[in-house]
Protein backbone atom coordinates (compact mmCIF):
# COMPACT_ATOMS: atom_id res chain seq x y z
CA GLU A 1 -72.19 -7.16 50.59
CA VAL A 2 -72.92 -10.39 51.58
CA GLN A 3 -76.24 -11.39 49.79
CA LEU A 4 -77.91 -15.45 50.75
CA VAL A 5 -81.28 -15.91 49.17
CA GLU A 6 -83.44 -19.02 50.15
CA SER A 7 -85.86 -20.78 48.26
CA GLY A 8 -87.53 -23.81 47.36
CA GLY A 9 -89.35 -23.93 50.58
CA GLY A 10 -93.31 -24.80 50.87
CA LEU A 11 -96.34 -27.38 52.16
CA VAL A 12 -95.12 -31.06 52.02
CA GLN A 13 -96.71 -34.03 53.17
CA PRO A 14 -94.89 -36.41 56.05
CA GLY A 15 -92.58 -38.65 54.07
CA GLY A 16 -92.08 -36.15 51.34
CA SER A 17 -89.45 -34.46 50.08
CA LEU A 18 -88.02 -30.84 49.14
CA THR A 19 -84.69 -29.31 47.97
CA LEU A 20 -83.73 -25.92 48.94
CA SER A 21 -81.39 -23.36 47.41
CA CYS A 22 -79.40 -20.70 48.59
CA VAL A 23 -78.04 -18.17 45.81
CA ALA A 24 -74.88 -16.44 46.96
CA SER A 25 -73.37 -13.03 46.00
CA GLY A 26 -71.04 -10.54 47.43
CA PHE A 27 -68.32 -12.74 48.39
CA THR A 28 -66.19 -15.41 47.19
CA PHE A 29 -68.29 -18.33 47.35
CA SER A 30 -65.73 -21.11 46.81
CA THR A 31 -63.64 -19.74 49.90
CA TYR A 32 -66.21 -20.22 52.76
CA VAL A 33 -67.91 -23.38 54.67
CA MET A 34 -71.72 -22.95 54.31
CA THR A 35 -74.16 -23.67 56.71
CA TRP A 36 -78.07 -24.19 56.82
CA ALA A 37 -80.05 -23.77 60.33
CA ARG A 38 -83.45 -23.54 60.79
CA GLN A 39 -85.79 -22.47 63.27
CA GLY A 40 -89.11 -23.58 64.02
CA ALA A 41 -92.23 -21.74 65.96
CA GLY A 42 -91.11 -20.61 69.12
CA LYS A 43 -87.56 -22.36 69.43
CA GLU A 44 -83.98 -21.30 69.20
CA LEU A 45 -81.91 -21.62 66.06
CA GLU A 46 -80.98 -24.89 65.24
CA TRP A 47 -77.92 -26.26 63.06
CA VAL A 48 -78.42 -28.62 60.38
CA SER A 49 -75.93 -29.05 58.32
CA THR A 50 -72.50 -27.60 57.22
CA ILE A 51 -70.35 -28.34 54.42
CA SER A 52 -66.90 -27.56 53.68
CA ALA A 53 -65.81 -25.03 50.89
CA ASP A 54 -64.68 -27.46 48.76
CA GLY A 55 -68.00 -29.44 49.15
CA ARG A 56 -66.27 -32.50 49.96
CA ARG A 57 -66.84 -32.67 53.23
CA PRO A 58 -70.77 -32.37 54.67
CA TYR A 59 -71.79 -32.71 58.63
CA TYR A 60 -75.05 -33.16 59.84
CA GLY A 61 -77.22 -32.40 62.90
CA ASP A 62 -78.48 -35.75 64.50
CA SER A 63 -81.92 -35.44 63.65
CA VAL A 64 -81.25 -34.48 59.64
CA LYS A 65 -78.73 -37.53 59.17
CA GLY A 66 -79.56 -39.82 56.94
CA ARG A 67 -82.60 -38.03 55.73
CA PHE A 68 -80.99 -34.80 54.48
CA THR A 69 -78.06 -34.09 51.95
CA ILE A 70 -76.21 -30.82 52.03
CA SER A 71 -74.18 -29.74 48.75
CA ARG A 72 -72.68 -26.65 46.74
CA ASP A 73 -72.37 -26.08 43.46
CA ASN A 74 -69.28 -23.70 43.69
CA GLU A 75 -69.60 -22.33 39.47
CA LYS A 76 -73.32 -21.16 40.49
CA ASN A 77 -72.70 -19.65 43.55
CA THR A 78 -75.25 -21.73 45.20
CA LEU A 79 -75.73 -24.19 48.33
CA TYR A 80 -78.37 -26.90 48.48
CA LEU A 81 -80.50 -28.77 51.11
CA GLN A 82 -82.07 -31.95 49.88
CA MET A 83 -84.74 -32.98 52.28
CA ASN A 84 -86.23 -36.49 52.46
CA SER A 85 -88.41 -38.55 54.79
CA LEU A 86 -89.53 -35.25 56.04
CA LYS A 87 -91.44 -35.33 59.43
CA ALA A 88 -93.33 -32.90 61.22
CA GLU A 89 -90.95 -31.54 63.61
CA ASP A 90 -88.57 -30.35 60.37
CA THR A 91 -91.77 -27.64 59.96
CA ALA A 92 -89.19 -24.18 60.28
CA VAL A 93 -88.04 -21.65 58.86
CA TYR A 94 -84.65 -22.58 56.75
CA TYR A 95 -81.83 -20.35 56.40
CA CYS A 96 -78.21 -20.30 54.92
CA ALA A 97 -75.02 -19.15 56.49
CA LYS A 98 -71.48 -18.16 55.28
CA PHE A 99 -69.11 -18.78 58.24
CA LYS A 100 -67.23 -15.54 58.81
CA THR A 101 -63.51 -17.00 58.36
CA PRO A 102 -62.48 -17.99 54.85
CA ARG A 103 -61.71 -21.93 54.50
CA TYR A 104 -61.95 -22.76 58.01
CA TRP A 105 -64.83 -23.91 60.52
CA ASN A 106 -64.26 -23.99 64.07
CA GLY A 107 -66.87 -27.28 64.43
CA ILE A 108 -69.39 -25.58 66.34
CA PHE A 109 -72.55 -23.61 65.90
CA ARG A 110 -73.27 -19.79 67.07
CA ASN A 111 -74.84 -17.48 65.53
CA VAL A 112 -72.29 -14.93 66.06
CA ASP A 113 -69.57 -17.22 63.50
CA TYR A 114 -72.20 -16.46 60.95
CA ASP A 115 -73.29 -13.92 58.35
CA PHE A 116 -77.19 -14.76 57.61
CA GLY A 117 -78.47 -13.41 54.68
CA GLY A 118 -82.30 -13.48 53.25
CA GLN A 119 -85.26 -14.27 55.23
CA GLY A 120 -85.47 -17.70 55.04
CA THR A 121 -87.62 -20.20 53.16
CA GLN A 122 -90.50 -21.59 55.22
CA VAL A 123 -91.13 -25.31 55.19
CA THR A 124 -94.26 -26.77 56.33
CA VAL A 125 -94.48 -30.58 57.11
CA SER A 126 -97.99 -31.46 57.08
CA SER A 127 -101.08 -34.06 56.56
């Protein structure tokens, strides 16, 4: 059974930083592309960032490019999202997700292509 447990969210002031973590289990973590997505109140799920299975190729949405950094530790089965220069519009519940097909990513974000695990972690950016 795929399990993805997100943590690290919280309340932060604009301009601040947070690092999110996602601990994975139930599958061979090192062979799957992993993604962070977020959903603000009343909004649709939004793609944030994706990283290749080997961790060498990160991809970012335009709204977070230059501010967020995705990474992974395949020995610890953990995915990370370092978030800097946070803005109010970054407020959302953040989810990590596993692409369903190993060693492959189709380059687009569709919910049906991913396994989502946990309840996400809330990030609130407010003064």
